[in-house]
């Protein structure tokens, strides 16, 4: 018996990660402290999902709808301005 399968898990174009909100996958999330942050921007190139946004050279926000909670941003922050917190789920 032959079964027909559709295309699955295919990325048909690059740069499409912002089309899919995958933030609900995480069990931890980054919390940003503006008081501790020096806006060195080291966290931005390390974020694998490009969730950390800056505006005029200042860290503006972390888009939690796309963040998967990997914690890389917190690890690379030399000022401990990003802390990983439990989701509470």
PDB file of N, CA and C in Angstrom:
ATOM      1  N   UNK A   1       0.837  -1.163   0.000  1.00  0.00           N
ATOM      2  CA  UNK A   1       0.000   0.000   0.000  1.00  0.00           C
ATOM      3  C   UNK A   1       0.898   1.249   0.000  1.00  0.00           C
ATOM      4  N   UNK A   2       0.674   2.115  -0.949  1.00  0.00           N
ATOM      5  CA  UNK A   2       1.482   3.316  -1.094  1.00  0.00           C
ATOM      6  C   UNK A   2       0.719   4.507  -0.501  1.00  0.00           C
ATOM      7  N   UNK A   3       1.402   5.251   0.387  1.00  0.00           N
ATOM      8  CA  UNK A   3       0.788   6.436   0.980  1.00  0.00           C
ATOM      9  C   UNK A   3       1.417   7.685   0.386  1.00  0.00           C
ATOM     10  N   UNK A   4       0.610   8.687   0.209  1.00  0.00           N
ATOM     11  CA  UNK A   4       1.094   9.976  -0.275  1.00  0.00           C
ATOM     12  C   UNK A   4       1.346  10.900   0.916  1.00  0.00           C
ATOM     13  N   UNK A   5       2.503  11.518   0.931  1.00  0.00           N
ATOM     14  CA  UNK A   5       2.851  12.460   1.981  1.00  0.00           C
ATOM     15  C   UNK A   5       3.118  13.822   1.355  1.00  0.00           C
ATOM     16  N   UNK A   6       2.622  14.855   1.998  1.00  0.00           N
ATOM     17  CA  UNK A   6       2.893  16.214   1.556  1.00  0.00           C
ATOM     18  C   UNK A   6       4.253  16.663   2.057  1.00  0.00           C
ATOM     19  N   UNK A   7       4.668  17.797   1.573  1.00  0.00           N
ATOM     20  CA  UNK A   7       5.927  18.361   2.041  1.00  0.00           C
ATOM     21  C   UNK A   7       5.797  18.710   3.516  1.00  0.00           C
ATOM     22  N   UNK A   8       6.783  18.362   4.279  1.00  0.00           N
ATOM     23  CA  UNK A   8       6.786  18.693   5.704  1.00  0.00           C
ATOM     24  C   UNK A   8       8.144  19.177   6.131  1.00  0.00           C
ATOM     25  N   UNK A   9       8.171  20.099   7.054  1.00  0.00           N
ATOM     26  CA  UNK A   9       9.407  20.641   7.609  1.00  0.00           C
ATOM     27  C   UNK A   9      10.336  21.191   6.530  1.00  0.00           C
ATOM     28  N   UNK A  10       9.756  21.773   5.513  1.00  0.00           N
ATOM     29  CA  UNK A  10      10.551  22.365   4.439  1.00  0.00           C
ATOM     30  C   UNK A  10      10.577  23.874   4.592  1.00  0.00           C
ATOM     31  N   UNK A  11      11.738  24.432   4.547  1.00  0.00           N
ATOM     32  CA  UNK A  11      11.881  25.881   4.553  1.00  0.00           C
ATOM     33  C   UNK A  11      12.006  26.300   3.100  1.00  0.00           C
ATOM     34  N   UNK A  12      10.979  26.946   2.611  1.00  0.00           N
ATOM     35  CA  UNK A  12      10.930  27.275   1.198  1.00  0.00           C
ATOM     36  C   UNK A  12      11.570  28.617   0.862  1.00  0.00           C
ATOM     37  N   UNK A  13      11.802  29.443   1.896  1.00  0.00           N
ATOM     38  CA  UNK A  13      12.504  30.707   1.677  1.00  0.00           C
ATOM     39  C   UNK A  13      13.259  31.073   2.943  1.00  0.00           C
ATOM     40  N   UNK A  14      14.335  31.814   2.779  1.00  0.00           N
ATOM     41  CA  UNK A  14      15.112  32.216   3.952  1.00  0.00           C
ATOM     42  C   UNK A  14      14.494  33.451   4.605  1.00  0.00           C
ATOM     43  N   UNK A  15      14.873  33.685   5.851  1.00  0.00           N
ATOM     44  CA  UNK A  15      14.411  34.859   6.564  1.00  0.00           C
ATOM     45  C   UNK A  15      12.941  34.835   6.938  1.00  0.00           C
ATOM     46  N   UNK A  16      12.379  33.659   7.117  1.00  0.00           N
ATOM     47  CA  UNK A  16      10.951  33.576   7.408  1.00  0.00           C
ATOM     48  C   UNK A  16      10.636  33.293   8.871  1.00  0.00           C
ATOM     49  N   UNK A  17      11.625  33.367   9.763  1.00  0.00           N
ATOM     50  CA  UNK A  17      11.392  33.012  11.160  1.00  0.00           C
ATOM     51  C   UNK A  17      10.401  33.945  11.837  1.00  0.00           C
ATOM     52  N   UNK A  18      10.305  35.191  11.397  1.00  0.00           N
ATOM     53  CA  UNK A  18       9.378  36.126  12.017  1.00  0.00           C
ATOM     54  C   UNK A  18       7.917  35.826  11.644  1.00  0.00           C
ATOM     55  N   UNK A  19       7.692  34.915  10.726  1.00  0.00           N
ATOM     56  CA  UNK A  19       6.333  34.522  10.360  1.00  0.00           C
ATOM     57  C   UNK A  19       5.742  33.501  11.331  1.00  0.00           C
ATOM     58  N   UNK A  20       6.585  32.915  12.184  1.00  0.00           N
ATOM     59  CA  UNK A  20       6.139  31.853  13.076  1.00  0.00           C
ATOM     60  C   UNK A  20       6.474  32.201  14.524  1.00  0.00           C
ATOM     61  N   UNK A  21       5.450  32.423  15.317  1.00  0.00           N
ATOM     62  CA  UNK A  21       5.654  32.729  16.741  1.00  0.00           C
ATOM     63  C   UNK A  21       5.913  31.416  17.473  1.00  0.00           C
ATOM     64  N   UNK A  22       7.155  31.228  17.865  1.00  0.00           N
ATOM     65  CA  UNK A  22       7.559  29.974  18.505  1.00  0.00           C
ATOM     66  C   UNK A  22       7.884  30.159  19.981  1.00  0.00           C
ATOM     67  N   UNK A  23       7.579  31.318  20.525  1.00  0.00           N
ATOM     68  CA  UNK A  23       7.912  31.630  21.907  1.00  0.00           C
ATOM     69  C   UNK A  23       7.196  30.784  22.942  1.00  0.00           C
ATOM     70  N   UNK A  24       6.113  30.154  22.570  1.00  0.00           N
ATOM     71  CA  UNK A  24       5.376  29.327  23.533  1.00  0.00           C
ATOM     72  C   UNK A  24       6.112  28.025  23.845  1.00  0.00           C
ATOM     73  N   UNK A  25       7.191  27.729  23.138  1.00  0.00           N
ATOM     74  CA  UNK A  25       7.950  26.502  23.351  1.00  0.00           C
ATOM     75  C   UNK A  25       8.788  26.555  24.614  1.00  0.00           C
ATOM     76  N   UNK A  26       9.108  27.754  25.091  1.00  0.00           N
ATOM     77  CA  UNK A  26      10.100  27.888  26.152  1.00  0.00           C
ATOM     78  C   UNK A  26       9.525  27.624  27.543  1.00  0.00           C
ATOM     79  N   UNK A  27      10.404  27.186  28.447  1.00  0.00           N
ATOM     80  CA  UNK A  27      10.018  27.057  29.853  1.00  0.00           C
ATOM     81  C   UNK A  27      10.754  28.088  30.710  1.00  0.00           C
ATOM     82  N   UNK A  28      11.665  28.846  30.083  1.00  0.00           N
ATOM     83  CA  UNK A  28      12.337  29.960  30.741  1.00  0.00           C
ATOM     84  C   UNK A  28      12.303  31.147  29.786  1.00  0.00           C
ATOM     85  N   UNK A  29      12.372  32.344  30.337  1.00  0.00           N
ATOM     86  CA  UNK A  29      12.372  33.527  29.488  1.00  0.00           C
ATOM     87  C   UNK A  29      13.372  34.551  30.019  1.00  0.00           C
ATOM     88  N   UNK A  30      13.921  35.389  29.131  1.00  0.00           N
ATOM     89  CA  UNK A  30      14.879  36.399  29.565  1.00  0.00           C
ATOM     90  C   UNK A  30      14.164  37.624  30.120  1.00  0.00           C
ATOM     91  N   UNK A  31      14.666  38.123  31.230  1.00  0.00           N
ATOM     92  CA  UNK A  31      14.162  39.353  31.837  1.00  0.00           C
ATOM     93  C   UNK A  31      15.295  40.376  31.798  1.00  0.00           C
ATOM     94  N   UNK A  32      15.037  41.516  31.196  1.00  0.00           N
ATOM     95  CA  UNK A  32      16.060  42.539  30.968  1.00  0.00           C
ATOM     96  C   UNK A  32      15.952  43.641  32.025  1.00  0.00           C
ATOM     97  N   UNK A  33      17.058  43.949  32.676  1.00  0.00           N
ATOM     98  CA  UNK A  33      17.124  45.024  33.662  1.00  0.00           C
ATOM     99  C   UNK A  33      17.749  46.259  33.015  1.00  0.00           C
ATOM    100  N   UNK A  34      16.942  47.284  32.805  1.00  0.00           N
ATOM    101  CA  UNK A  34      17.443  48.514  32.186  1.00  0.00           C
ATOM    102  C   UNK A  34      18.446  49.220  33.098  1.00  0.00           C
ATOM    103  N   UNK A  35      18.326  49.016  34.406  1.00  0.00           N
ATOM    104  CA  UNK A  35      19.248  49.648  35.355  1.00  0.00           C
ATOM    105  C   UNK A  35      20.665  49.095  35.231  1.00  0.00           C
ATOM    106  N   UNK A  36      20.779  47.798  34.962  1.00  0.00           N
ATOM    107  CA  UNK A  36      22.096  47.162  34.852  1.00  0.00           C
ATOM    108  C   UNK A  36      22.682  47.222  33.442  1.00  0.00           C
ATOM    109  N   UNK A  37      21.828  47.350  32.455  1.00  0.00           N
ATOM    110  CA  UNK A  37      22.242  47.304  31.045  1.00  0.00           C
ATOM    111  C   UNK A  37      23.060  48.532  30.666  1.00  0.00           C
ATOM    112  N   UNK A  38      24.174  48.281  29.994  1.00  0.00           N
ATOM    113  CA  UNK A  38      25.042  49.353  29.490  1.00  0.00           C
ATOM    114  C   UNK A  38      24.920  49.483  27.968  1.00  0.00           C
ATOM    115  N   UNK A  39      23.986  48.764  27.377  1.00  0.00           N
ATOM    116  CA  UNK A  39      23.747  48.769  25.937  1.00  0.00           C
ATOM    117  C   UNK A  39      25.015  48.472  25.142  1.00  0.00           C
ATOM    118  N   UNK A  40      25.760  47.478  25.609  1.00  0.00           N
ATOM    119  CA  UNK A  40      26.970  47.062  24.887  1.00  0.00           C
ATOM    120  C   UNK A  40      26.612  46.277  23.624  1.00  0.00           C
ATOM    121  N   UNK A  41      25.404  45.754  23.575  1.00  0.00           N
ATOM    122  CA  UNK A  41      24.854  45.034  22.419  1.00  0.00           C
ATOM    123  C   UNK A  41      25.512  43.689  22.145  1.00  0.00           C
ATOM    124  N   UNK A  42      26.231  43.129  23.108  1.00  0.00           N
ATOM    125  CA  UNK A  42      26.825  41.808  22.910  1.00  0.00           C
ATOM    126  C   UNK A  42      25.749  40.728  22.760  1.00  0.00           C
ATOM    127  N   UNK A  43      24.619  40.920  23.384  1.00  0.00           N
ATOM    128  CA  UNK A  43      23.556  39.915  23.331  1.00  0.00           C
ATOM    129  C   UNK A  43      22.941  39.787  21.937  1.00  0.00           C
ATOM    130  N   UNK A  44      22.906  40.864  21.184  1.00  0.00           N
ATOM    131  CA  UNK A  44      22.207  40.868  19.892  1.00  0.00           C
ATOM    132  C   UNK A  44      22.791  39.870  18.898  1.00  0.00           C
ATOM    133  N   UNK A  45      24.095  39.868  18.616  1.00  0.00           N
ATOM    134  CA  UNK A  45      24.594  38.903  17.624  1.00  0.00           C
ATOM    135  C   UNK A  45      24.569  37.447  18.101  1.00  0.00           C
ATOM    136  N   UNK A  46      24.493  37.238  19.413  1.00  0.00           N
ATOM    137  CA  UNK A  46      24.465  35.872  19.928  1.00  0.00           C
ATOM    138  C   UNK A  46      23.078  35.255  19.929  1.00  0.00           C
ATOM    139  N   UNK A  47      22.038  36.057  19.885  1.00  0.00           N
ATOM    140  CA  UNK A  47      20.671  35.525  19.908  1.00  0.00           C
ATOM    141  C   UNK A  47      20.395  34.763  18.614  1.00  0.00           C
ATOM    142  N   UNK A  48      20.147  33.440  18.705  1.00  0.00           N
ATOM    143  CA  UNK A  48      19.944  32.660  17.484  1.00  0.00           C
ATOM    144  C   UNK A  48      18.624  32.965  16.778  1.00  0.00           C
ATOM    145  N   UNK A  49      17.701  33.624  17.450  1.00  0.00           N
ATOM    146  CA  UNK A  49      16.397  33.923  16.857  1.00  0.00           C
ATOM    147  C   UNK A  49      16.208  35.395  16.526  1.00  0.00           C
ATOM    148  N   UNK A  50      17.240  36.216  16.745  1.00  0.00           N
ATOM    149  CA  UNK A  50      17.174  37.648  16.462  1.00  0.00           C
ATOM    150  C   UNK A  50      16.009  38.314  17.213  1.00  0.00           C
ATOM    151  N   UNK A  51      15.835  37.941  18.480  1.00  0.00           N
ATOM    152  CA  UNK A  51      14.727  38.443  19.306  1.00  0.00           C
ATOM    153  C   UNK A  51      15.047  39.741  20.026  1.00  0.00           C
ATOM    154  N   UNK A  52      16.308  40.074  20.136  1.00  0.00           N
ATOM    155  CA  UNK A  52      16.702  41.242  20.914  1.00  0.00           C
ATOM    156  C   UNK A  52      16.811  42.430  19.973  1.00  0.00           C
ATOM    157  N   UNK A  53      16.040  43.449  20.273  1.00  0.00           N
ATOM    158  CA  UNK A  53      15.951  44.609  19.386  1.00  0.00           C
ATOM    159  C   UNK A  53      16.538  45.840  20.068  1.00  0.00           C
ATOM    160  N   UNK A  54      17.201  46.676  19.260  1.00  0.00           N
ATOM    161  CA  UNK A  54      17.766  47.921  19.764  1.00  0.00           C
ATOM    162  C   UNK A  54      17.156  49.079  18.990  1.00  0.00           C
ATOM    163  N   UNK A  55      17.181  50.232  19.625  1.00  0.00           N
ATOM    164  CA  UNK A  55      16.701  51.451  18.970  1.00  0.00           C
ATOM    165  C   UNK A  55      17.649  52.575  19.359  1.00  0.00           C
ATOM    166  N   UNK A  56      18.244  53.196  18.372  1.00  0.00           N
ATOM    167  CA  UNK A  56      19.196  54.293  18.591  1.00  0.00           C
ATOM    168  C   UNK A  56      20.342  53.900  19.522  1.00  0.00           C
ATOM    169  N   UNK A  57      20.844  52.670  19.373  1.00  0.00           N
ATOM    170  CA  UNK A  57      21.989  52.211  20.143  1.00  0.00           C
ATOM    171  C   UNK A  57      21.684  51.798  21.572  1.00  0.00           C
ATOM    172  N   UNK A  58      20.408  51.651  21.894  1.00  0.00           N
ATOM    173  CA  UNK A  58      19.993  51.239  23.234  1.00  0.00           C
ATOM    174  C   UNK A  58      19.121  49.997  23.104  1.00  0.00           C
ATOM    175  N   UNK A  59      19.386  48.994  23.960  1.00  0.00           N
ATOM    176  CA  UNK A  59      18.567  47.786  23.928  1.00  0.00           C
ATOM    177  C   UNK A  59      17.124  48.183  24.212  1.00  0.00           C
ATOM    178  N   UNK A  60      16.247  47.910  23.266  1.00  0.00           N
ATOM    179  CA  UNK A  60      14.860  48.376  23.334  1.00  0.00           C
ATOM    180  C   UNK A  60      13.920  47.335  23.929  1.00  0.00           C
ATOM    181  N   UNK A  61      14.039  46.077  23.429  1.00  0.00           N
ATOM    182  CA  UNK A  61      13.111  45.039  23.890  1.00  0.00           C
ATOM    183  C   UNK A  61      13.602  43.665  23.477  1.00  0.00           C
ATOM    184  N   UNK A  62      13.019  42.655  24.129  1.00  0.00           N
ATOM    185  CA  UNK A  62      13.231  41.268  23.743  1.00  0.00           C
ATOM    186  C   UNK A  62      11.872  40.738  23.315  1.00  0.00           C
ATOM    187  N   UNK A  63      11.773  40.311  22.084  1.00  0.00           N
ATOM    188  CA  UNK A  63      10.500  39.834  21.555  1.00  0.00           C
ATOM    189  C   UNK A  63      10.255  38.397  22.030  1.00  0.00           C
ATOM    190  N   UNK A  64       9.500  38.264  23.091  1.00  0.00           N
ATOM    191  CA  UNK A  64       9.268  36.957  23.707  1.00  0.00           C
ATOM    192  C   UNK A  64       8.394  36.042  22.860  1.00  0.00           C
ATOM    193  N   UNK A  65       7.667  36.598  21.886  1.00  0.00           N
ATOM    194  CA  UNK A  65       6.861  35.752  20.995  1.00  0.00           C
ATOM    195  C   UNK A  65       7.722  34.830  20.147  1.00  0.00           C
ATOM    196  N   UNK A  66       9.003  35.191  19.969  1.00  0.00           N
ATOM    197  CA  UNK A  66       9.901  34.407  19.129  1.00  0.00           C
ATOM    198  C   UNK A  66      11.047  33.762  19.909  1.00  0.00           C
ATOM    199  N   UNK A  67      11.275  34.212  21.127  1.00  0.00           N
ATOM    200  CA  UNK A  67      12.344  33.691  21.971  1.00  0.00           C
ATOM    201  C   UNK A  67      12.035  32.255  22.391  1.00  0.00           C
ATOM    202  N   UNK A  68      13.036  31.381  22.275  1.00  0.00           N
ATOM    203  CA  UNK A  68      12.855  29.978  22.665  1.00  0.00           C
ATOM    204  C   UNK A  68      13.449  29.677  24.040  1.00  0.00           C
ATOM    205  N   UNK A  69      13.968  30.698  24.722  1.00  0.00           N
ATOM    206  CA  UNK A  69      14.455  30.528  26.081  1.00  0.00           C
ATOM    207  C   UNK A  69      15.783  29.816  26.211  1.00  0.00           C
ATOM    208  N   UNK A  70      16.654  29.949  25.228  1.00  0.00           N
ATOM    209  CA  UNK A  70      17.932  29.232  25.257  1.00  0.00           C
ATOM    210  C   UNK A  70      18.878  29.782  26.320  1.00  0.00           C
ATOM    211  N   UNK A  71      18.774  31.070  26.652  1.00  0.00           N
ATOM    212  CA  UNK A  71      19.604  31.657  27.689  1.00  0.00           C
ATOM    213  C   UNK A  71      20.962  32.152  27.236  1.00  0.00           C
ATOM    214  N   UNK A  72      21.236  32.110  25.960  1.00  0.00           N
ATOM    215  CA  UNK A  72      22.535  32.565  25.463  1.00  0.00           C
ATOM    216  C   UNK A  72      22.722  34.050  25.778  1.00  0.00           C
ATOM    217  N   UNK A  73      21.686  34.835  25.636  1.00  0.00           N
ATOM    218  CA  UNK A  73      21.792  36.276  25.896  1.00  0.00           C
ATOM    219  C   UNK A  73      22.223  36.544  27.337  1.00  0.00           C
ATOM    220  N   UNK A  74      21.675  35.807  28.274  1.00  0.00           N
ATOM    221  CA  UNK A  74      22.032  35.971  29.684  1.00  0.00           C
ATOM    222  C   UNK A  74      23.473  35.533  29.940  1.00  0.00           C
ATOM    223  N   UNK A  75      23.906  34.486  29.251  1.00  0.00           N
ATOM    224  CA  UNK A  75      25.277  33.979  29.426  1.00  0.00           C
ATOM    225  C   UNK A  75      26.320  34.986  28.945  1.00  0.00           C
ATOM    226  N   UNK A  76      26.049  35.653  27.821  1.00  0.00           N
ATOM    227  CA  UNK A  76      27.060  36.544  27.238  1.00  0.00           C
ATOM    228  C   UNK A  76      27.025  37.955  27.814  1.00  0.00           C
ATOM    229  N   UNK A  77      25.994  38.311  28.567  1.00  0.00           N
ATOM    230  CA  UNK A  77      25.890  39.670  29.111  1.00  0.00           C
ATOM    231  C   UNK A  77      26.919  39.867  30.224  1.00  0.00           C
ATOM    232  N   UNK A  78      27.907  40.748  30.016  1.00  0.00           N
ATOM    233  CA  UNK A  78      28.946  40.946  31.029  1.00  0.00           C
ATOM    234  C   UNK A  78      28.457  41.723  32.248  1.00  0.00           C
ATOM    235  N   UNK A  79      27.284  42.354  32.145  1.00  0.00           N
ATOM    236  CA  UNK A  79      26.756  43.172  33.240  1.00  0.00           C
ATOM    237  C   UNK A  79      25.616  42.494  33.994  1.00  0.00           C
ATOM    238  N   UNK A  80      25.323  41.245  33.630  1.00  0.00           N
ATOM    239  CA  UNK A  80      24.230  40.468  34.261  1.00  0.00           C
ATOM    240  C   UNK A  80      22.899  41.218  34.184  1.00  0.00           C
ATOM    241  N   UNK A  81      22.694  41.928  33.060  1.00  0.00           N
ATOM    242  CA  UNK A  81      21.473  42.697  32.864  1.00  0.00           C
ATOM    243  C   UNK A  81      20.331  41.843  32.307  1.00  0.00           C
ATOM    244  N   UNK A  82      20.650  40.623  31.892  1.00  0.00           N
ATOM    245  CA  UNK A  82      19.619  39.699  31.418  1.00  0.00           C
ATOM    246  C   UNK A  82      19.652  38.481  32.318  1.00  0.00           C
ATOM    247  N   UNK A  83      18.513  38.181  32.890  1.00  0.00           N
ATOM    248  CA  UNK A  83      18.384  37.046  33.804  1.00  0.00           C
ATOM    249  C   UNK A  83      17.303  36.114  33.270  1.00  0.00           C
ATOM    250  N   UNK A  84      17.574  34.825  33.305  1.00  0.00           N
ATOM    251  CA  UNK A  84      16.588  33.849  32.866  1.00  0.00           C
ATOM    252  C   UNK A  84      15.661  33.515  34.033  1.00  0.00           C
ATOM    253  N   UNK A  85      14.362  33.595  33.771  1.00  0.00           N
ATOM    254  CA  UNK A  85      13.360  33.313  34.789  1.00  0.00           C
ATOM    255  C   UNK A  85      12.499  32.151  34.336  1.00  0.00           C
ATOM    256  N   UNK A  86      11.956  31.405  35.298  1.00  0.00           N
ATOM    257  CA  UNK A  86      11.081  30.284  34.981  1.00  0.00           C
ATOM    258  C   UNK A  86       9.735  30.793  34.486  1.00  0.00           C
ATOM    259  N   UNK A  87       9.191  30.069  33.532  1.00  0.00           N
ATOM    260  CA  UNK A  87       7.906  30.431  32.943  1.00  0.00           C
ATOM    261  C   UNK A  87       6.752  30.188  33.892  1.00  0.00           C
ATOM    262  N   UNK A  88       6.908  29.258  34.810  1.00  0.00           N
ATOM    263  CA  UNK A  88       5.841  28.961  35.750  1.00  0.00           C
ATOM    264  C   UNK A  88       4.773  28.063  35.199  1.00  0.00           C
ATOM    265  N   UNK A  89       5.063  27.399  34.080  1.00  0.00           N
ATOM    266  CA  UNK A  89       4.079  26.473  33.490  1.00  0.00           C
ATOM    267  C   UNK A  89       4.220  25.116  34.100  1.00  0.00           C
TER     268      UNK A  89
END
